[in-house]
């Protein structure tokens, strides 16, 4: 199957930036890649998504501040102008096809904490 390894989380102050990365291994053809986040005690929400052809979509809460990109089987999330509401565990998600069956996998999560 697919193994995902995330990196890049940390503690920053409001207004600063972070760059998350998620490397997928175990399969050569990855379809869409996305980032989600989950604040403490809240549900996991979608943040950004990028298609195999680099078409991107963003949650309105991060539009204009976050940029998703991909290179081979690695997806990145550049986060600028961070604010405390961006605090949470960030998870990457990737999709692929196993013949005609859609599959997906989650990364282990990386903590992002933004102090005011």
PDB file of N, CA and C in Angstrom:
ATOM      1  N   UNK A   1       0.827  -1.185   0.000  1.00  0.00           N
ATOM      2  CA  UNK A   1       0.000   0.000   0.000  1.00  0.00           C
ATOM      3  C   UNK A   1       0.875   1.254   0.000  1.00  0.00           C
ATOM      4  N   UNK A   2       0.300   2.345   0.524  1.00  0.00           N
ATOM      5  CA  UNK A   2       0.996   3.631   0.518  1.00  0.00           C
ATOM      6  C   UNK A   2       1.359   4.024   1.940  1.00  0.00           C
ATOM      7  N   UNK A   3       2.589   4.489   2.110  1.00  0.00           N
ATOM      8  CA  UNK A   3       3.040   4.983   3.406  1.00  0.00           C
ATOM      9  C   UNK A   3       3.289   6.477   3.276  1.00  0.00           C
ATOM     10  N   UNK A   4       2.781   7.244   4.256  1.00  0.00           N
ATOM     11  CA  UNK A   4       2.917   8.688   4.229  1.00  0.00           C
ATOM     12  C   UNK A   4       3.745   9.145   5.414  1.00  0.00           C
ATOM     13  N   UNK A   5       4.684  10.030   5.168  1.00  0.00           N
ATOM     14  CA  UNK A   5       5.508  10.594   6.230  1.00  0.00           C
ATOM     15  C   UNK A   5       5.411  12.109   6.159  1.00  0.00           C
ATOM     16  N   UNK A   6       4.890  12.697   7.215  1.00  0.00           N
ATOM     17  CA  UNK A   6       4.714  14.147   7.272  1.00  0.00           C
ATOM     18  C   UNK A   6       5.867  14.802   8.037  1.00  0.00           C
ATOM     19  N   UNK A   7       6.116  16.049   7.709  1.00  0.00           N
ATOM     20  CA  UNK A   7       7.132  16.817   8.421  1.00  0.00           C
ATOM     21  C   UNK A   7       6.802  18.297   8.303  1.00  0.00           C
ATOM     22  N   UNK A   8       7.421  19.089   9.182  1.00  0.00           N
ATOM     23  CA  UNK A   8       7.337  20.538   9.051  1.00  0.00           C
ATOM     24  C   UNK A   8       6.491  21.259  10.066  1.00  0.00           C
ATOM     25  N   UNK A   9       5.811  20.560  10.938  1.00  0.00           N
ATOM     26  CA  UNK A   9       5.011  21.248  11.945  1.00  0.00           C
ATOM     27  C   UNK A   9       5.880  21.929  12.985  1.00  0.00           C
ATOM     28  N   UNK A  10       5.245  22.690  13.862  1.00  0.00           N
ATOM     29  CA  UNK A  10       5.997  23.345  14.916  1.00  0.00           C
ATOM     30  C   UNK A  10       5.215  24.437  15.586  1.00  0.00           C
ATOM     31  N   UNK A  11       5.921  25.222  16.391  1.00  0.00           N
ATOM     32  CA  UNK A  11       5.335  26.338  17.131  1.00  0.00           C
ATOM     33  C   UNK A  11       5.840  27.642  16.537  1.00  0.00           C
ATOM     34  N   UNK A  12       4.912  28.498  16.124  1.00  0.00           N
ATOM     35  CA  UNK A  12       5.282  29.797  15.573  1.00  0.00           C
ATOM     36  C   UNK A  12       4.390  30.874  16.189  1.00  0.00           C
ATOM     37  N   UNK A  13       4.758  32.107  15.947  1.00  0.00           N
ATOM     38  CA  UNK A  13       3.943  33.227  16.412  1.00  0.00           C
ATOM     39  C   UNK A  13       3.005  33.676  15.297  1.00  0.00           C
ATOM     40  N   UNK A  14       1.957  34.348  15.674  1.00  0.00           N
ATOM     41  CA  UNK A  14       1.016  34.870  14.698  1.00  0.00           C
ATOM     42  C   UNK A  14       1.738  35.736  13.674  1.00  0.00           C
ATOM     43  N   UNK A  15       1.386  35.542  12.412  1.00  0.00           N
ATOM     44  CA  UNK A  15       2.010  36.290  11.332  1.00  0.00           C
ATOM     45  C   UNK A  15       3.184  35.576  10.675  1.00  0.00           C
ATOM     46  N   UNK A  16       3.684  34.543  11.324  1.00  0.00           N
ATOM     47  CA  UNK A  16       4.827  33.813  10.776  1.00  0.00           C
ATOM     48  C   UNK A  16       4.356  32.725   9.810  1.00  0.00           C
ATOM     49  N   UNK A  17       5.324  31.986   9.285  1.00  0.00           N
ATOM     50  CA  UNK A  17       5.030  30.988   8.254  1.00  0.00           C
ATOM     51  C   UNK A  17       5.566  29.615   8.641  1.00  0.00           C
ATOM     52  N   UNK A  18       4.979  28.601   8.056  1.00  0.00           N
ATOM     53  CA  UNK A  18       5.454  27.224   8.170  1.00  0.00           C
ATOM     54  C   UNK A  18       5.224  26.525   6.837  1.00  0.00           C
ATOM     55  N   UNK A  19       6.035  25.514   6.583  1.00  0.00           N
ATOM     56  CA  UNK A  19       5.871  24.712   5.366  1.00  0.00           C
ATOM     57  C   UNK A  19       5.795  23.249   5.778  1.00  0.00           C
ATOM     58  N   UNK A  20       4.691  22.626   5.450  1.00  0.00           N
ATOM     59  CA  UNK A  20       4.502  21.212   5.725  1.00  0.00           C
ATOM     60  C   UNK A  20       4.802  20.404   4.468  1.00  0.00           C
ATOM     61  N   UNK A  21       5.301  19.194   4.693  1.00  0.00           N
ATOM     62  CA  UNK A  21       5.550  18.281   3.590  1.00  0.00           C
ATOM     63  C   UNK A  21       5.017  16.901   3.940  1.00  0.00           C
ATOM     64  N   UNK A  22       4.641  16.167   2.926  1.00  0.00           N
ATOM     65  CA  UNK A  22       4.134  14.808   3.119  1.00  0.00           C
ATOM     66  C   UNK A  22       4.615  13.976   1.944  1.00  0.00           C
ATOM     67  N   UNK A  23       5.458  13.001   2.235  1.00  0.00           N
ATOM     68  CA  UNK A  23       6.023  12.152   1.195  1.00  0.00           C
ATOM     69  C   UNK A  23       5.315  10.810   1.173  1.00  0.00           C
ATOM     70  N   UNK A  24       4.856  10.417  -0.010  1.00  0.00           N
ATOM     71  CA  UNK A  24       4.172   9.135  -0.186  1.00  0.00           C
ATOM     72  C   UNK A  24       5.121   8.135  -0.824  1.00  0.00           C
ATOM     73  N   UNK A  25       5.158   6.949  -0.277  1.00  0.00           N
ATOM     74  CA  UNK A  25       5.981   5.893  -0.855  1.00  0.00           C
ATOM     75  C   UNK A  25       5.162   4.615  -0.935  1.00  0.00           C
ATOM     76  N   UNK A  26       5.611   3.708  -1.790  1.00  0.00           N
ATOM     77  CA  UNK A  26       4.943   2.420  -1.908  1.00  0.00           C
ATOM     78  C   UNK A  26       4.086   2.277  -3.138  1.00  0.00           C
ATOM     79  N   UNK A  27       3.893   3.395  -3.819  1.00  0.00           N
ATOM     80  CA  UNK A  27       3.089   3.337  -5.027  1.00  0.00           C
ATOM     81  C   UNK A  27       3.545   4.445  -5.954  1.00  0.00           C
ATOM     82  N   UNK A  28       3.584   4.211  -7.221  1.00  0.00           N
ATOM     83  CA  UNK A  28       4.137   5.200  -8.149  1.00  0.00           C
ATOM     84  C   UNK A  28       3.086   6.163  -8.683  1.00  0.00           C
ATOM     85  N   UNK A  29       1.837   5.790  -8.707  1.00  0.00           N
ATOM     86  CA  UNK A  29       0.809   6.641  -9.294  1.00  0.00           C
ATOM     87  C   UNK A  29      -0.161   7.107  -8.217  1.00  0.00           C
ATOM     88  N   UNK A  30       0.040   8.341  -7.789  1.00  0.00           N
ATOM     89  CA  UNK A  30      -0.841   8.958  -6.804  1.00  0.00           C
ATOM     90  C   UNK A  30      -1.798   9.892  -7.526  1.00  0.00           C
ATOM     91  N   UNK A  31      -3.044   9.878  -7.132  1.00  0.00           N
ATOM     92  CA  UNK A  31      -4.043  10.743  -7.755  1.00  0.00           C
ATOM     93  C   UNK A  31      -4.064  12.061  -6.993  1.00  0.00           C
ATOM     94  N   UNK A  32      -5.178  12.441  -6.405  1.00  0.00           N
ATOM     95  CA  UNK A  32      -5.270  13.717  -5.689  1.00  0.00           C
ATOM     96  C   UNK A  32      -4.539  13.635  -4.353  1.00  0.00           C
ATOM     97  N   UNK A  33      -4.060  14.780  -3.901  1.00  0.00           N
ATOM     98  CA  UNK A  33      -3.401  14.898  -2.609  1.00  0.00           C
ATOM     99  C   UNK A  33      -4.038  16.074  -1.884  1.00  0.00           C
ATOM    100  N   UNK A  34      -4.159  15.970  -0.572  1.00  0.00           N
ATOM    101  CA  UNK A  34      -4.864  17.019   0.166  1.00  0.00           C
ATOM    102  C   UNK A  34      -4.314  17.150   1.575  1.00  0.00           C
ATOM    103  N   UNK A  35      -4.644  18.280   2.174  1.00  0.00           N
ATOM    104  CA  UNK A  35      -4.341  18.526   3.584  1.00  0.00           C
ATOM    105  C   UNK A  35      -5.647  18.763   4.339  1.00  0.00           C
ATOM    106  N   UNK A  36      -5.690  18.223   5.543  1.00  0.00           N
ATOM    107  CA  UNK A  36      -6.789  18.447   6.470  1.00  0.00           C
ATOM    108  C   UNK A  36      -6.187  18.928   7.788  1.00  0.00           C
ATOM    109  N   UNK A  37      -7.035  19.492   8.636  1.00  0.00           N
ATOM    110  CA  UNK A  37      -6.550  19.854   9.966  1.00  0.00           C
ATOM    111  C   UNK A  37      -7.648  19.589  10.988  1.00  0.00           C
ATOM    112  N   UNK A  38      -7.193  19.364  12.204  1.00  0.00           N
ATOM    113  CA  UNK A  38      -8.109  19.052  13.283  1.00  0.00           C
ATOM    114  C   UNK A  38      -7.705  19.790  14.534  1.00  0.00           C
ATOM    115  N   UNK A  39      -8.413  20.869  14.874  1.00  0.00           N
ATOM    116  CA  UNK A  39      -8.149  21.541  16.135  1.00  0.00           C
ATOM    117  C   UNK A  39      -8.520  20.633  17.302  1.00  0.00           C
ATOM    118  N   UNK A  40      -7.952  20.885  18.455  1.00  0.00           N
ATOM    119  CA  UNK A  40      -8.199  20.059  19.628  1.00  0.00           C
ATOM    120  C   UNK A  40      -9.690  20.039  19.959  1.00  0.00           C
ATOM    121  N   UNK A  41     -10.256  18.856  20.063  1.00  0.00           N
ATOM    122  CA  UNK A  41     -11.650  18.713  20.429  1.00  0.00           C
ATOM    123  C   UNK A  41     -12.639  18.993  19.322  1.00  0.00           C
ATOM    124  N   UNK A  42     -12.158  19.195  18.119  1.00  0.00           N
ATOM    125  CA  UNK A  42     -13.046  19.520  17.002  1.00  0.00           C
ATOM    126  C   UNK A  42     -12.892  18.499  15.882  1.00  0.00           C
ATOM    127  N   UNK A  43     -13.736  18.594  14.899  1.00  0.00           N
ATOM    128  CA  UNK A  43     -13.686  17.637  13.802  1.00  0.00           C
ATOM    129  C   UNK A  43     -12.555  17.975  12.835  1.00  0.00           C
ATOM    130  N   UNK A  44     -12.188  16.994  12.050  1.00  0.00           N
ATOM    131  CA  UNK A  44     -11.170  17.183  11.039  1.00  0.00           C
ATOM    132  C   UNK A  44     -11.804  17.852   9.817  1.00  0.00           C
ATOM    133  N   UNK A  45     -11.196  18.929   9.357  1.00  0.00           N
ATOM    134  CA  UNK A  45     -11.731  19.695   8.232  1.00  0.00           C
ATOM    135  C   UNK A  45     -10.725  19.754   7.092  1.00  0.00           C
ATOM    136  N   UNK A  46     -11.246  19.836   5.907  1.00  0.00           N
ATOM    137  CA  UNK A  46     -10.440  19.940   4.699  1.00  0.00           C
ATOM    138  C   UNK A  46      -9.819  21.333   4.601  1.00  0.00           C
ATOM    139  N   UNK A  47      -8.557  21.389   4.171  1.00  0.00           N
ATOM    140  CA  UNK A  47      -7.831  22.655   4.056  1.00  0.00           C
ATOM    141  C   UNK A  47      -7.555  22.990   2.600  1.00  0.00           C
ATOM    142  N   UNK A  48      -6.952  22.042   1.879  1.00  0.00           N
ATOM    143  CA  UNK A  48      -6.568  22.304   0.495  1.00  0.00           C
ATOM    144  C   UNK A  48      -6.412  20.978  -0.232  1.00  0.00           C
ATOM    145  N   UNK A  49      -6.557  21.042  -1.544  1.00  0.00           N
ATOM    146  CA  UNK A  49      -6.474  19.828  -2.370  1.00  0.00           C
ATOM    147  C   UNK A  49      -5.800  20.169  -3.678  1.00  0.00           C
ATOM    148  N   UNK A  50      -5.032  19.222  -4.205  1.00  0.00           N
ATOM    149  CA  UNK A  50      -4.379  19.416  -5.504  1.00  0.00           C
ATOM    150  C   UNK A  50      -4.563  18.152  -6.332  1.00  0.00           C
ATOM    151  N   UNK A  51      -4.953  18.352  -7.572  1.00  0.00           N
ATOM    152  CA  UNK A  51      -5.204  17.224  -8.464  1.00  0.00           C
ATOM    153  C   UNK A  51      -3.900  16.771  -9.117  1.00  0.00           C
ATOM    154  N   UNK A  52      -3.932  15.651  -9.820  1.00  0.00           N
ATOM    155  CA  UNK A  52      -2.711  15.203 -10.522  1.00  0.00           C
ATOM    156  C   UNK A  52      -2.232  16.220 -11.559  1.00  0.00           C
ATOM    157  N   UNK A  53      -3.137  17.046 -12.048  1.00  0.00           N
ATOM    158  CA  UNK A  53      -2.764  18.075 -13.018  1.00  0.00           C
ATOM    159  C   UNK A  53      -2.544  19.433 -12.372  1.00  0.00           C
ATOM    160  N   UNK A  54      -2.357  19.428 -11.049  1.00  0.00           N
ATOM    161  CA  UNK A  54      -2.027  20.649 -10.303  1.00  0.00           C
ATOM    162  C   UNK A  54      -3.159  21.667 -10.231  1.00  0.00           C
ATOM    163  N   UNK A  55      -4.385  21.220 -10.406  1.00  0.00           N
ATOM    164  CA  UNK A  55      -5.520  22.085 -10.112  1.00  0.00           C
ATOM    165  C   UNK A  55      -5.698  22.104  -8.596  1.00  0.00           C
ATOM    166  N   UNK A  56      -5.892  23.310  -8.047  1.00  0.00           N
ATOM    167  CA  UNK A  56      -5.949  23.446  -6.592  1.00  0.00           C
ATOM    168  C   UNK A  56      -7.281  24.019  -6.126  1.00  0.00           C
ATOM    169  N   UNK A  57      -7.635  23.638  -4.908  1.00  0.00           N
ATOM    170  CA  UNK A  57      -8.827  24.173  -4.247  1.00  0.00           C
ATOM    171  C   UNK A  57      -8.475  24.427  -2.790  1.00  0.00           C
ATOM    172  N   UNK A  58      -9.085  25.469  -2.228  1.00  0.00           N
ATOM    173  CA  UNK A  58      -8.776  25.861  -0.861  1.00  0.00           C
ATOM    174  C   UNK A  58     -10.046  26.118  -0.064  1.00  0.00           C
ATOM    175  N   UNK A  59      -9.961  25.789   1.211  1.00  0.00           N
ATOM    176  CA  UNK A  59     -10.991  26.212   2.153  1.00  0.00           C
ATOM    177  C   UNK A  59     -10.933  27.744   2.217  1.00  0.00           C
ATOM    178  N   UNK A  60     -12.095  28.366   2.280  1.00  0.00           N
ATOM    179  CA  UNK A  60     -12.124  29.835   2.315  1.00  0.00           C
ATOM    180  C   UNK A  60     -11.323  30.400   3.479  1.00  0.00           C
ATOM    181  N   UNK A  61     -11.207  29.653   4.561  1.00  0.00           N
ATOM    182  CA  UNK A  61     -10.495  30.158   5.739  1.00  0.00           C
ATOM    183  C   UNK A  61      -9.002  30.336   5.489  1.00  0.00           C
ATOM    184  N   UNK A  62      -8.462  29.649   4.485  1.00  0.00           N
ATOM    185  CA  UNK A  62      -7.016  29.720   4.242  1.00  0.00           C
ATOM    186  C   UNK A  62      -6.683  30.314   2.881  1.00  0.00           C
ATOM    187  N   UNK A  63      -7.685  30.574   2.076  1.00  0.00           N
ATOM    188  CA  UNK A  63      -7.449  31.085   0.725  1.00  0.00           C
ATOM    189  C   UNK A  63      -6.678  32.398   0.780  1.00  0.00           C
ATOM    190  N   UNK A  64      -5.628  32.475  -0.033  1.00  0.00           N
ATOM    191  CA  UNK A  64      -4.795  33.661  -0.060  1.00  0.00           C
ATOM    192  C   UNK A  64      -3.638  33.622   0.914  1.00  0.00           C
ATOM    193  N   UNK A  65      -3.664  32.692   1.868  1.00  0.00           N
ATOM    194  CA  UNK A  65      -2.580  32.563   2.844  1.00  0.00           C
ATOM    195  C   UNK A  65      -1.814  31.253   2.684  1.00  0.00           C
ATOM    196  N   UNK A  66      -2.515  30.204   2.297  1.00  0.00           N
ATOM    197  CA  UNK A  66      -1.894  28.884   2.149  1.00  0.00           C
ATOM    198  C   UNK A  66      -1.745  28.545   0.676  1.00  0.00           C
ATOM    199  N   UNK A  67      -0.686  27.807   0.364  1.00  0.00           N
ATOM    200  CA  UNK A  67      -0.479  27.333  -1.003  1.00  0.00           C
ATOM    201  C   UNK A  67      -0.113  25.860  -0.976  1.00  0.00           C
ATOM    202  N   UNK A  68      -0.872  25.065  -1.696  1.00  0.00           N
ATOM    203  CA  UNK A  68      -0.576  23.640  -1.810  1.00  0.00           C
ATOM    204  C   UNK A  68       0.153  23.396  -3.121  1.00  0.00           C
ATOM    205  N   UNK A  69       1.131  22.517  -3.093  1.00  0.00           N
ATOM    206  CA  UNK A  69       1.876  22.172  -4.294  1.00  0.00           C
ATOM    207  C   UNK A  69       2.305  20.717  -4.179  1.00  0.00           C
ATOM    208  N   UNK A  70       2.769  20.175  -5.294  1.00  0.00           N
ATOM    209  CA  UNK A  70       3.221  18.792  -5.275  1.00  0.00           C
ATOM    210  C   UNK A  70       4.398  18.612  -6.210  1.00  0.00           C
ATOM    211  N   UNK A  71       5.233  17.672  -5.864  1.00  0.00           N
ATOM    212  CA  UNK A  71       6.374  17.313  -6.685  1.00  0.00           C
ATOM    213  C   UNK A  71       6.532  15.816  -6.585  1.00  0.00           C
ATOM    214  N   UNK A  72       6.344  15.156  -7.705  1.00  0.00           N
ATOM    215  CA  UNK A  72       6.329  13.682  -7.715  1.00  0.00           C
ATOM    216  C   UNK A  72       5.296  13.208  -6.701  1.00  0.00           C
ATOM    217  N   UNK A  73       5.686  12.433  -5.724  1.00  0.00           N
ATOM    218  CA  UNK A  73       4.738  11.915  -4.735  1.00  0.00           C
ATOM    219  C   UNK A  73       4.855  12.615  -3.392  1.00  0.00           C
ATOM    220  N   UNK A  74       5.251  13.874  -3.418  1.00  0.00           N
ATOM    221  CA  UNK A  74       5.322  14.677  -2.206  1.00  0.00           C
ATOM    222  C   UNK A  74       4.405  15.881  -2.348  1.00  0.00           C
ATOM    223  N   UNK A  75       3.618  16.131  -1.319  1.00  0.00           N
ATOM    224  CA  UNK A  75       2.742  17.296  -1.316  1.00  0.00           C
ATOM    225  C   UNK A  75       3.206  18.253  -0.226  1.00  0.00           C
ATOM    226  N   UNK A  76       3.159  19.539  -0.535  1.00  0.00           N
ATOM    227  CA  UNK A  76       3.596  20.568   0.390  1.00  0.00           C
ATOM    228  C   UNK A  76       2.431  21.498   0.705  1.00  0.00           C
ATOM    229  N   UNK A  77       2.516  22.129   1.862  1.00  0.00           N
ATOM    230  CA  UNK A  77       1.560  23.162   2.223  1.00  0.00           C
ATOM    231  C   UNK A  77       2.350  24.329   2.796  1.00  0.00           C
ATOM    232  N   UNK A  78       2.448  25.393   2.024  1.00  0.00           N
ATOM    233  CA  UNK A  78       3.098  26.608   2.488  1.00  0.00           C
ATOM    234  C   UNK A  78       2.050  27.444   3.191  1.00  0.00           C
ATOM    235  N   UNK A  79       2.279  27.741   4.461  1.00  0.00           N
ATOM    236  CA  UNK A  79       1.303  28.464   5.271  1.00  0.00           C
ATOM    237  C   UNK A  79       1.907  29.797   5.688  1.00  0.00           C
ATOM    238  N   UNK A  80       1.334  30.875   5.210  1.00  0.00           N
ATOM    239  CA  UNK A  80       1.792  32.212   5.539  1.00  0.00           C
ATOM    240  C   UNK A  80       0.739  32.946   6.373  1.00  0.00           C
ATOM    241  N   UNK A  81       1.175  34.010   7.012  1.00  0.00           N
ATOM    242  CA  UNK A  81       0.267  34.831   7.818  1.00  0.00           C
ATOM    243  C   UNK A  81      -0.571  33.971   8.766  1.00  0.00           C
ATOM    244  N   UNK A  82       0.105  33.088   9.459  1.00  0.00           N
ATOM    245  CA  UNK A  82      -0.592  32.184  10.371  1.00  0.00           C
ATOM    246  C   UNK A  82      -1.230  32.944  11.524  1.00  0.00           C
ATOM    247  N   UNK A  83      -2.364  32.456  11.974  1.00  0.00           N
ATOM    248  CA  UNK A  83      -3.024  33.022  13.142  1.00  0.00           C
ATOM    249  C   UNK A  83      -3.396  31.894  14.099  1.00  0.00           C
ATOM    250  N   UNK A  84      -3.731  32.217  15.332  1.00  0.00           N
ATOM    251  CA  UNK A  84      -4.014  31.164  16.327  1.00  0.00           C
ATOM    252  C   UNK A  84      -5.118  30.195  15.908  1.00  0.00           C
ATOM    253  N   UNK A  85      -6.039  30.652  15.060  1.00  0.00           N
ATOM    254  CA  UNK A  85      -7.115  29.771  14.602  1.00  0.00           C
ATOM    255  C   UNK A  85      -6.615  28.674  13.659  1.00  0.00           C
ATOM    256  N   UNK A  86      -5.383  28.798  13.211  1.00  0.00           N
ATOM    257  CA  UNK A  86      -4.788  27.765  12.345  1.00  0.00           C
ATOM    258  C   UNK A  86      -4.180  26.630  13.166  1.00  0.00           C
ATOM    259  N   UNK A  87      -4.187  26.757  14.473  1.00  0.00           N
ATOM    260  CA  UNK A  87      -3.627  25.728  15.341  1.00  0.00           C
ATOM    261  C   UNK A  87      -4.394  24.424  15.215  1.00  0.00           C
ATOM    262  N   UNK A  88      -3.649  23.316  15.155  1.00  0.00           N
ATOM    263  CA  UNK A  88      -4.271  22.005  15.081  1.00  0.00           C
ATOM    264  C   UNK A  88      -3.290  20.962  14.591  1.00  0.00           C
ATOM    265  N   UNK A  89      -3.774  19.740  14.483  1.00  0.00           N
ATOM    266  CA  UNK A  89      -2.977  18.682  13.881  1.00  0.00           C
ATOM    267  C   UNK A  89      -3.306  18.647  12.397  1.00  0.00           C
ATOM    268  N   UNK A  90      -2.291  18.706  11.576  1.00  0.00           N
ATOM    269  CA  UNK A  90      -2.455  18.710  10.129  1.00  0.00           C
ATOM    270  C   UNK A  90      -2.158  17.314   9.575  1.00  0.00           C
ATOM    271  N   UNK A  91      -3.075  16.832   8.771  1.00  0.00           N
ATOM    272  CA  UNK A  91      -2.957  15.499   8.180  1.00  0.00           C
ATOM    273  C   UNK A  91      -2.942  15.609   6.657  1.00  0.00           C
ATOM    274  N   UNK A  92      -2.077  14.874   6.029  1.00  0.00           N
ATOM    275  CA  UNK A  92      -2.154  14.773   4.579  1.00  0.00           C
ATOM    276  C   UNK A  92      -2.980  13.529   4.218  1.00  0.00           C
ATOM    277  N   UNK A  93      -3.563  13.599   3.061  1.00  0.00           N
ATOM    278  CA  UNK A  93      -4.373  12.500   2.542  1.00  0.00           C
ATOM    279  C   UNK A  93      -4.074  12.341   1.058  1.00  0.00           C
ATOM    280  N   UNK A  94      -3.866  11.129   0.630  1.00  0.00           N
ATOM    281  CA  UNK A  94      -3.617  10.883  -0.784  1.00  0.00           C
ATOM    282  C   UNK A  94      -4.585   9.825  -1.299  1.00  0.00           C
ATOM    283  N   UNK A  95      -4.875   9.915  -2.576  1.00  0.00           N
ATOM    284  CA  UNK A  95      -5.797   8.988  -3.215  1.00  0.00           C
ATOM    285  C   UNK A  95      -5.100   8.289  -4.373  1.00  0.00           C
ATOM    286  N   UNK A  96      -5.515   7.095  -4.634  1.00  0.00           N
ATOM    287  CA  UNK A  96      -5.022   6.377  -5.803  1.00  0.00           C
ATOM    288  C   UNK A  96      -6.063   5.345  -6.205  1.00  0.00           C
ATOM    289  N   UNK A  97      -5.822   4.725  -7.348  1.00  0.00           N
ATOM    290  CA  UNK A  97      -6.736   3.706  -7.851  1.00  0.00           C
ATOM    291  C   UNK A  97      -6.048   2.346  -7.819  1.00  0.00           C
ATOM    292  N   UNK A  98      -6.741   1.404  -7.246  1.00  0.00           N
ATOM    293  CA  UNK A  98      -6.294   0.009  -7.253  1.00  0.00           C
ATOM    294  C   UNK A  98      -7.196  -0.693  -8.260  1.00  0.00           C
ATOM    295  N   UNK A  99      -6.724  -0.725  -9.509  1.00  0.00           N
ATOM    296  CA  UNK A  99      -7.572  -1.135 -10.631  1.00  0.00           C
ATOM    297  C   UNK A  99      -8.769  -0.197 -10.658  1.00  0.00           C
ATOM    298  N   UNK A 100      -9.978  -0.639 -10.399  1.00  0.00           N
ATOM    299  CA  UNK A 100     -11.135   0.241 -10.467  1.00  0.00           C
ATOM    300  C   UNK A 100     -11.672   0.582  -9.081  1.00  0.00           C
ATOM    301  N   UNK A 101     -10.867   0.374  -8.058  1.00  0.00           N
ATOM    302  CA  UNK A 101     -11.288   0.659  -6.681  1.00  0.00           C
ATOM    303  C   UNK A 101     -10.536   1.873  -6.153  1.00  0.00           C
ATOM    304  N   UNK A 102     -11.245   2.917  -5.734  1.00  0.00           N
ATOM    305  CA  UNK A 102     -10.548   4.075  -5.161  1.00  0.00           C
ATOM    306  C   UNK A 102     -10.012   3.746  -3.771  1.00  0.00           C
ATOM    307  N   UNK A 103      -8.802   4.212  -3.513  1.00  0.00           N
ATOM    308  CA  UNK A 103      -8.153   4.002  -2.217  1.00  0.00           C
ATOM    309  C   UNK A 103      -7.669   5.343  -1.685  1.00  0.00           C
ATOM    310  N   UNK A 104      -7.484   5.415  -0.376  1.00  0.00           N
ATOM    311  CA  UNK A 104      -6.893   6.608   0.213  1.00  0.00           C
ATOM    312  C   UNK A 104      -6.134   6.238   1.470  1.00  0.00           C
ATOM    313  N   UNK A 105      -5.249   7.122   1.873  1.00  0.00           N
ATOM    314  CA  UNK A 105      -4.462   6.908   3.078  1.00  0.00           C
ATOM    315  C   UNK A 105      -4.224   8.240   3.767  1.00  0.00           C
ATOM    316  N   UNK A 106      -4.022   8.167   5.073  1.00  0.00           N
ATOM    317  CA  UNK A 106      -3.760   9.350   5.892  1.00  0.00           C
ATOM    318  C   UNK A 106      -2.345   9.329   6.445  1.00  0.00           C
ATOM    319  N   UNK A 107      -1.756  10.509   6.553  1.00  0.00           N
ATOM    320  CA  UNK A 107      -0.504  10.626   7.251  1.00  0.00           C
ATOM    321  C   UNK A 107      -0.724  10.551   8.757  1.00  0.00           C
ATOM    322  N   UNK A 108       0.380  10.541   9.500  1.00  0.00           N
ATOM    323  CA  UNK A 108       0.301  10.383  10.957  1.00  0.00           C
ATOM    324  C   UNK A 108      -0.090  11.677  11.661  1.00  0.00           C
ATOM    325  N   UNK A 109      -0.037  12.788  10.936  1.00  0.00           N
ATOM    326  CA  UNK A 109      -0.378  14.076  11.525  1.00  0.00           C
ATOM    327  C   UNK A 109       0.850  14.798  12.049  1.00  0.00           C
ATOM    328  N   UNK A 110       0.821  16.111  11.922  1.00  0.00           N
ATOM    329  CA  UNK A 110       1.894  16.942  12.455  1.00  0.00           C
ATOM    330  C   UNK A 110       1.266  18.149  13.138  1.00  0.00           C
ATOM    331  N   UNK A 111       1.745  18.462  14.317  1.00  0.00           N
ATOM    332  CA  UNK A 111       1.152  19.528  15.115  1.00  0.00           C
ATOM    333  C   UNK A 111       1.638  20.896  14.652  1.00  0.00           C
ATOM    334  N   UNK A 112       0.676  21.786  14.458  1.00  0.00           N
ATOM    335  CA  UNK A 112       0.965  23.187  14.175  1.00  0.00           C
ATOM    336  C   UNK A 112       0.338  24.015  15.295  1.00  0.00           C
ATOM    337  N   UNK A 113       1.152  24.812  15.953  1.00  0.00           N
ATOM    338  CA  UNK A 113       0.668  25.670  17.030  1.00  0.00           C
ATOM    339  C   UNK A 113       1.072  27.107  16.741  1.00  0.00           C
ATOM    340  N   UNK A 114       0.077  27.984  16.730  1.00  0.00           N
ATOM    341  CA  UNK A 114       0.322  29.392  16.457  1.00  0.00           C
ATOM    342  C   UNK A 114      -0.046  30.187  17.704  1.00  0.00           C
ATOM    343  N   UNK A 115       0.922  30.861  18.266  1.00  0.00           N
ATOM    344  CA  UNK A 115       0.675  31.664  19.462  1.00  0.00           C
ATOM    345  C   UNK A 115       0.338  33.100  19.075  1.00  0.00           C
ATOM    346  N   UNK A 116      -0.433  33.732  19.915  1.00  0.00           N
ATOM    347  CA  UNK A 116      -0.840  35.112  19.621  1.00  0.00           C
ATOM    348  C   UNK A 116       0.168  36.117  20.142  1.00  0.00           C
TER     349      UNK A 116
END
